[in-house]
Amino acid sequence: MPVSERNGTQVWQRRTQGESLVRWFGWLIGVAVFLYCWQQISDATTWFFVWDAPRIAGDIWERATPPRWEYITQLGRPIWDTLNIATLGTLIALCLAVPVAFLAARNTTPSALFIRPLALLIIVSTRSINSLIWALLLIAIIGPGVFAGVVAIAIRSIGFCAKLLYEAIEEIDHTQVEAITATGASRWQVMAYGIVPQILPAFAGIAVFRWDINIRESTVLGLVGAGGIGLQLQASLNVLAWPQVSLILLVILAAVILSEWVSAKVRGAII
């Protein structure tokens, strides 16, 4: 910590004068950027609708309550499709993420110069695009429906699962790998008996965590035509059937709570 002298006595200071100036200059730049961004947002906002939002929200709430409970008989298949989209998409993503993770990890990749950058590119590219955008692209290619939703969820999940998994591979205990290698085991035997058992708990946790996320994402894929309960939600919104909308939202909430409970139980059993 810097120390300065005043009247012949040493006074403790948290920062030097130069450090304080740099810090205040940084704050000044941050405030200026915030004010500029707020000005841009303000100019593009119709504030009349913002001030009128509480009244509109109250009107929609009155129209949406009580929910149309008899409509629930038509939501069984859509919510089942949603669960299938999330589950199948997660399983496909895990099958593809495992080899990508091994190719991306520094201690298991065959080539750190060529193959690892390619694996990292796959991880980054699949994670950087939202599942809704993937669904829009896939609907244009293979048509609307549940299959497009499954593939969209799978592609989106590859990078997420592979990233967490390759980090777990890089953090394994190398003494176990060295011990198995010393016995003359082949590369595949070292991987099967020295690496895989160490990452299985992490793999199970990643799988359940991603499935939980995919339940949420699959509920909205139907808004763009990729199947699931989102199709019913979009149809109800188009005709302003607010009691049906409120019921669909309650069903989605119940599905998310169920997935949370299942994932919490599985993670608790693993840990």
Protein backbone atom coordinates (compact mmCIF):
# COMPACT_ATOMS: atom_id res chain seq x y z
CA MET A 1 0.00 0.00 0.00
CA PRO A 2 1.34 3.49 -0.80
CA VAL A 3 2.50 5.68 2.06
CA SER A 4 2.81 9.48 1.89
CA GLU A 5 4.29 12.00 4.30
CA ARG A 6 2.34 14.91 5.79
CA ASN A 7 3.93 17.31 8.29
CA GLY A 8 6.76 14.87 8.75
CA THR A 9 4.50 11.88 9.55
CA GLN A 10 3.71 8.94 7.32
CA VAL A 11 0.06 8.63 6.26
CA TRP A 12 -1.31 5.40 4.81
CA GLN A 13 -3.15 5.69 1.48
CA ARG A 14 -5.09 3.02 -0.32
CA ARG A 15 -3.99 4.24 -3.75
CA THR A 16 -1.41 6.57 -5.16
CA GLN A 17 -2.54 9.84 -6.70
CA GLY A 18 -2.00 8.44 -10.19
CA GLU A 19 -4.08 5.33 -9.43
CA SER A 20 -6.89 7.50 -8.02
CA LEU A 21 -6.90 9.67 -11.15
CA VAL A 22 -7.08 6.62 -13.40
CA ARG A 23 -9.92 5.21 -11.31
CA TRP A 24 -11.93 8.44 -11.44
CA PHE A 25 -11.26 8.74 -15.17
CA GLY A 26 -12.62 5.23 -15.65
CA TRP A 27 -15.76 6.13 -13.71
CA LEU A 28 -16.15 9.27 -15.82
CA ILE A 29 -15.97 7.27 -19.03
CA GLY A 30 -18.45 4.73 -17.68
CA VAL A 31 -20.97 7.43 -16.73
CA ALA A 32 -20.56 9.11 -20.12
CA VAL A 33 -21.16 5.82 -21.96
CA PHE A 34 -24.22 5.10 -19.81
CA LEU A 35 -25.72 8.54 -20.47
CA TYR A 36 -25.09 8.19 -24.20
CA CYS A 37 -26.73 4.74 -24.32
CA TRP A 38 -29.67 5.97 -22.25
CA GLN A 39 -30.13 8.89 -24.65
CA GLN A 40 -30.21 6.50 -27.61
CA ILE A 41 -32.73 4.24 -25.88
CA SER A 42 -34.86 7.19 -24.82
CA ASP A 43 -35.01 8.58 -28.35
CA ALA A 44 -36.15 5.20 -29.70
CA THR A 45 -38.80 4.66 -27.00
CA THR A 46 -42.42 5.74 -27.20
CA TRP A 47 -42.83 6.76 -23.59
CA PHE A 48 -46.63 7.03 -23.85
CA PHE A 49 -46.87 3.24 -24.08
CA VAL A 50 -44.47 2.85 -21.16
CA TRP A 51 -46.57 5.05 -18.88
CA ASP A 52 -49.72 3.27 -20.07
CA ALA A 53 -48.23 -0.19 -19.46
CA PRO A 54 -49.74 -0.71 -15.95
CA ARG A 55 -53.25 -0.15 -17.29
CA ILE A 56 -52.68 -2.50 -20.22
CA ALA A 57 -51.20 -5.17 -17.93
CA GLY A 58 -54.18 -4.87 -15.61
CA ASP A 59 -56.60 -5.21 -18.52
CA ILE A 60 -54.83 -8.34 -19.81
CA TRP A 61 -54.83 -9.81 -16.30
CA GLU A 62 -58.60 -9.32 -16.05
CA ARG A 63 -59.10 -10.97 -19.45
CA ALA A 64 -56.77 -13.90 -18.60
CA THR A 65 -58.38 -14.81 -15.28
CA PRO A 66 -59.70 -17.28 -14.52
CA PRO A 67 -57.84 -19.68 -16.85
CA ARG A 68 -59.90 -21.78 -19.23
CA TRP A 69 -59.42 -25.07 -17.37
CA GLU A 70 -61.35 -27.19 -19.90
CA TYR A 71 -58.69 -26.33 -22.50
CA ILE A 72 -56.17 -28.47 -20.61
CA THR A 73 -57.41 -31.57 -22.46
CA GLN A 74 -55.78 -30.17 -25.61
CA LEU A 75 -52.39 -29.58 -23.97
CA GLY A 76 -51.42 -33.18 -23.21
CA ARG A 77 -49.81 -33.92 -26.58
CA PRO A 78 -48.08 -30.51 -26.92
CA ILE A 79 -46.45 -30.72 -23.46
CA TRP A 80 -45.41 -34.32 -24.23
CA ASP A 81 -43.83 -33.10 -27.47
CA THR A 82 -42.03 -30.39 -25.51
CA LEU A 83 -40.57 -32.94 -23.08
CA ASN A 84 -39.53 -35.15 -25.99
CA ILE A 85 -37.83 -32.24 -27.76
CA ALA A 86 -35.82 -31.43 -24.63
CA THR A 87 -34.94 -35.06 -23.83
CA LEU A 88 -34.03 -36.24 -27.32
CA GLY A 89 -32.17 -33.02 -28.07
CA THR A 90 -30.14 -33.42 -24.89
CA LEU A 91 -29.30 -37.06 -25.64
CA ILE A 92 -28.16 -36.26 -29.18
CA ALA A 93 -26.10 -33.33 -27.91
CA LEU A 94 -24.38 -35.49 -25.28
CA CYS A 95 -23.45 -38.13 -27.87
CA LEU A 96 -21.83 -35.45 -30.03
CA ALA A 97 -20.37 -33.40 -27.18
CA VAL A 98 -18.32 -36.24 -25.67
CA PRO A 99 -15.92 -36.71 -28.63
CA VAL A 100 -15.73 -32.94 -29.14
CA ALA A 101 -14.79 -32.49 -25.48
CA PHE A 102 -12.01 -35.10 -25.68
CA LEU A 103 -10.68 -33.43 -28.83
CA ALA A 104 -10.76 -30.01 -27.13
CA ALA A 105 -9.09 -30.98 -23.84
CA ARG A 106 -5.36 -30.30 -23.77
CA ASN A 107 -4.52 -33.63 -22.13
CA THR A 108 -6.55 -35.82 -24.54
CA THR A 109 -6.51 -34.08 -27.92
CA PRO A 110 -4.52 -35.85 -30.64
CA SER A 111 -3.24 -32.51 -31.97
CA ALA A 112 -3.13 -29.25 -30.01
CA LEU A 113 -2.20 -27.38 -33.19
CA PHE A 114 -4.90 -28.51 -35.60
CA ILE A 115 -7.64 -30.64 -34.01
CA ARG A 116 -8.06 -28.73 -30.73
CA PRO A 117 -8.75 -25.36 -32.43
CA LEU A 118 -11.31 -27.08 -34.66
CA ALA A 119 -13.05 -28.61 -31.62
CA LEU A 120 -13.05 -25.26 -29.83
CA LEU A 121 -14.53 -23.65 -32.94
CA ILE A 122 -17.39 -26.18 -32.85
CA ILE A 123 -17.98 -25.41 -29.17
CA VAL A 124 -18.00 -21.65 -29.67
CA SER A 125 -20.13 -21.68 -32.83
CA THR A 126 -22.86 -23.92 -31.40
CA ARG A 127 -23.02 -21.96 -28.13
CA SER A 128 -23.07 -18.51 -29.70
CA ILE A 129 -26.36 -18.92 -31.60
CA ASN A 130 -29.63 -19.11 -29.67
CA SER A 131 -31.86 -22.14 -30.06
CA LEU A 132 -34.65 -19.98 -31.52
CA ILE A 133 -32.34 -18.88 -34.33
CA TRP A 134 -31.27 -22.47 -34.94
CA ALA A 135 -34.95 -23.42 -35.07
CA LEU A 136 -35.70 -20.70 -37.63
CA LEU A 137 -32.83 -21.88 -39.83
CA LEU A 138 -33.80 -25.54 -39.51
CA ILE A 139 -37.46 -24.85 -40.27
CA ALA A 140 -36.36 -23.25 -43.53
CA ILE A 141 -34.23 -26.32 -44.31
CA ILE A 142 -36.21 -29.35 -43.08
CA GLY A 143 -39.62 -27.79 -42.51
CA PRO A 144 -41.63 -27.04 -39.36
CA GLY A 145 -42.34 -29.62 -36.71
CA VAL A 146 -40.94 -31.44 -33.70
CA PHE A 147 -37.88 -32.77 -35.56
CA ALA A 148 -36.65 -29.24 -36.25
CA GLY A 149 -37.03 -28.47 -32.55
CA VAL A 150 -35.06 -31.57 -31.53
CA VAL A 151 -32.19 -30.72 -33.87
CA ALA A 152 -32.19 -27.07 -32.76
CA ILE A 153 -31.97 -28.05 -29.10
CA ALA A 154 -29.25 -30.60 -29.89
CA ILE A 155 -27.06 -28.16 -31.81
CA ARG A 156 -27.44 -25.47 -29.17
CA SER A 157 -26.52 -27.93 -26.39
CA ILE A 158 -23.37 -29.36 -27.98
CA GLY A 159 -21.15 -26.41 -27.14
CA PHE A 160 -22.51 -26.05 -23.60
CA CYS A 161 -21.98 -29.71 -22.71
CA ALA A 162 -18.63 -30.01 -24.50
CA LYS A 163 -17.21 -26.91 -22.83
CA LEU A 164 -18.03 -28.04 -19.29
CA LEU A 165 -16.93 -31.58 -20.05
CA TYR A 166 -13.55 -30.69 -21.56
CA GLU A 167 -12.85 -28.46 -18.56
CA ALA A 168 -13.61 -31.45 -16.32
CA ILE A 169 -11.26 -33.61 -18.39
CA GLU A 170 -8.45 -31.09 -18.00
CA GLU A 171 -8.93 -31.05 -14.21
CA ILE A 172 -8.64 -34.81 -13.62
CA ASP A 173 -6.10 -36.34 -11.26
CA HIS A 174 -3.15 -37.15 -13.54
CA THR A 175 -1.55 -39.54 -11.05
CA GLN A 176 -4.20 -42.15 -11.85
CA VAL A 177 -3.53 -41.73 -15.57
CA GLU A 178 0.21 -42.07 -15.01
CA ALA A 179 -0.30 -45.20 -12.92
CA ILE A 180 -2.36 -46.90 -15.63
CA THR A 181 0.06 -45.76 -18.34
CA ALA A 182 2.95 -47.28 -16.37
CA THR A 183 1.31 -50.71 -16.64
CA GLY A 184 1.73 -50.59 -20.41
CA ALA A 185 -1.92 -49.80 -21.17
CA SER A 186 -2.83 -48.50 -24.59
CA ARG A 187 -4.17 -44.99 -25.20
CA TRP A 188 -7.76 -46.24 -25.32
CA GLN A 189 -7.31 -48.26 -22.12
CA VAL A 190 -5.89 -45.22 -20.35
CA MET A 191 -8.89 -43.22 -21.46
CA ALA A 192 -11.38 -45.94 -20.47
CA TYR A 193 -9.92 -46.74 -17.04
CA GLY A 194 -8.02 -43.60 -16.07
CA ILE A 195 -10.06 -40.67 -17.43
CA VAL A 196 -13.65 -41.75 -17.97
CA PRO A 197 -14.30 -42.93 -14.35
CA GLN A 198 -13.08 -39.55 -13.07
CA ILE A 199 -15.39 -37.49 -15.26
CA LEU A 200 -18.54 -39.62 -14.98
CA PRO A 201 -19.99 -37.61 -12.04
CA ALA A 202 -19.35 -34.36 -13.91
CA PHE A 203 -20.86 -35.83 -17.07
CA ALA A 204 -24.03 -36.87 -15.24
CA GLY A 205 -24.36 -33.45 -13.62
CA ILE A 206 -23.87 -31.67 -16.95
CA ALA A 207 -26.44 -33.90 -18.64
CA VAL A 208 -29.13 -33.25 -16.04
CA PHE A 209 -28.35 -29.54 -15.86
CA ARG A 210 -28.58 -29.15 -19.63
CA TRP A 211 -31.79 -31.17 -19.78
CA ASP A 212 -33.27 -28.80 -17.20
CA ILE A 213 -32.29 -25.82 -19.37
CA ASN A 214 -33.63 -27.45 -22.51
CA ILE A 215 -37.06 -27.93 -20.91
CA ARG A 216 -37.29 -24.14 -20.68
CA GLU A 217 -35.96 -23.51 -24.17
CA SER A 218 -38.18 -26.11 -25.83
CA THR A 219 -41.33 -24.47 -24.43
CA VAL A 220 -40.81 -21.44 -26.69
CA LEU A 221 -39.58 -23.16 -29.86
CA GLY A 222 -43.18 -23.60 -30.96
CA LEU A 223 -43.45 -19.83 -31.31
CA VAL A 224 -41.40 -20.15 -34.50
CA GLY A 225 -43.02 -23.42 -35.64
CA ALA A 226 -40.66 -25.99 -34.13
CA GLY A 227 -43.32 -27.98 -32.29
CA GLY A 228 -44.25 -28.35 -28.66
CA ILE A 229 -46.54 -26.37 -26.42
CA GLY A 230 -45.24 -23.13 -27.91
CA LEU A 231 -47.47 -23.79 -30.93
CA GLN A 232 -50.54 -23.72 -28.71
CA LEU A 233 -49.28 -20.58 -27.04
CA GLN A 234 -48.74 -18.85 -30.39
CA ALA A 235 -52.17 -19.87 -31.64
CA SER A 236 -53.84 -18.56 -28.48
CA LEU A 237 -51.94 -15.30 -28.66
CA ASN A 238 -52.92 -14.80 -32.29
CA VAL A 239 -56.63 -14.88 -31.43
CA LEU A 240 -56.19 -13.02 -28.11
CA ALA A 241 -57.56 -15.99 -26.16
CA TRP A 242 -56.11 -14.79 -22.87
CA PRO A 243 -57.75 -17.45 -20.62
CA GLN A 244 -56.05 -20.11 -22.77
CA VAL A 245 -52.76 -18.22 -22.62
CA SER A 246 -52.85 -18.11 -18.84
CA LEU A 247 -53.54 -21.85 -18.66
CA ILE A 248 -50.69 -22.62 -21.06
CA LEU A 249 -48.33 -20.49 -18.97
CA LEU A 250 -49.39 -22.39 -15.85
CA VAL A 251 -48.70 -25.71 -17.59
CA ILE A 252 -45.28 -24.46 -18.70
CA LEU A 253 -44.55 -23.33 -15.15
CA ALA A 254 -45.53 -26.74 -13.81
CA ALA A 255 -43.26 -28.47 -16.34
CA VAL A 256 -40.33 -26.23 -15.40
CA ILE A 257 -40.90 -26.84 -11.67
CA LEU A 258 -41.02 -30.59 -12.31
CA SER A 259 -37.75 -30.47 -14.26
CA GLU A 260 -36.16 -28.44 -11.46
CA TRP A 261 -37.24 -31.04 -8.91
CA VAL A 262 -35.97 -33.96 -11.01
CA SER A 263 -32.63 -32.30 -11.74
CA ALA A 264 -32.16 -31.35 -8.07
CA LYS A 265 -32.83 -34.94 -6.99
CA VAL A 266 -30.43 -36.37 -9.58
CA ARG A 267 -27.66 -33.86 -8.77
CA GLY A 268 -28.15 -34.55 -5.07
CA ALA A 269 -27.77 -38.29 -5.68
CA ILE A 270 -24.63 -37.72 -7.75
CA ILE A 271 -22.96 -35.35 -5.28
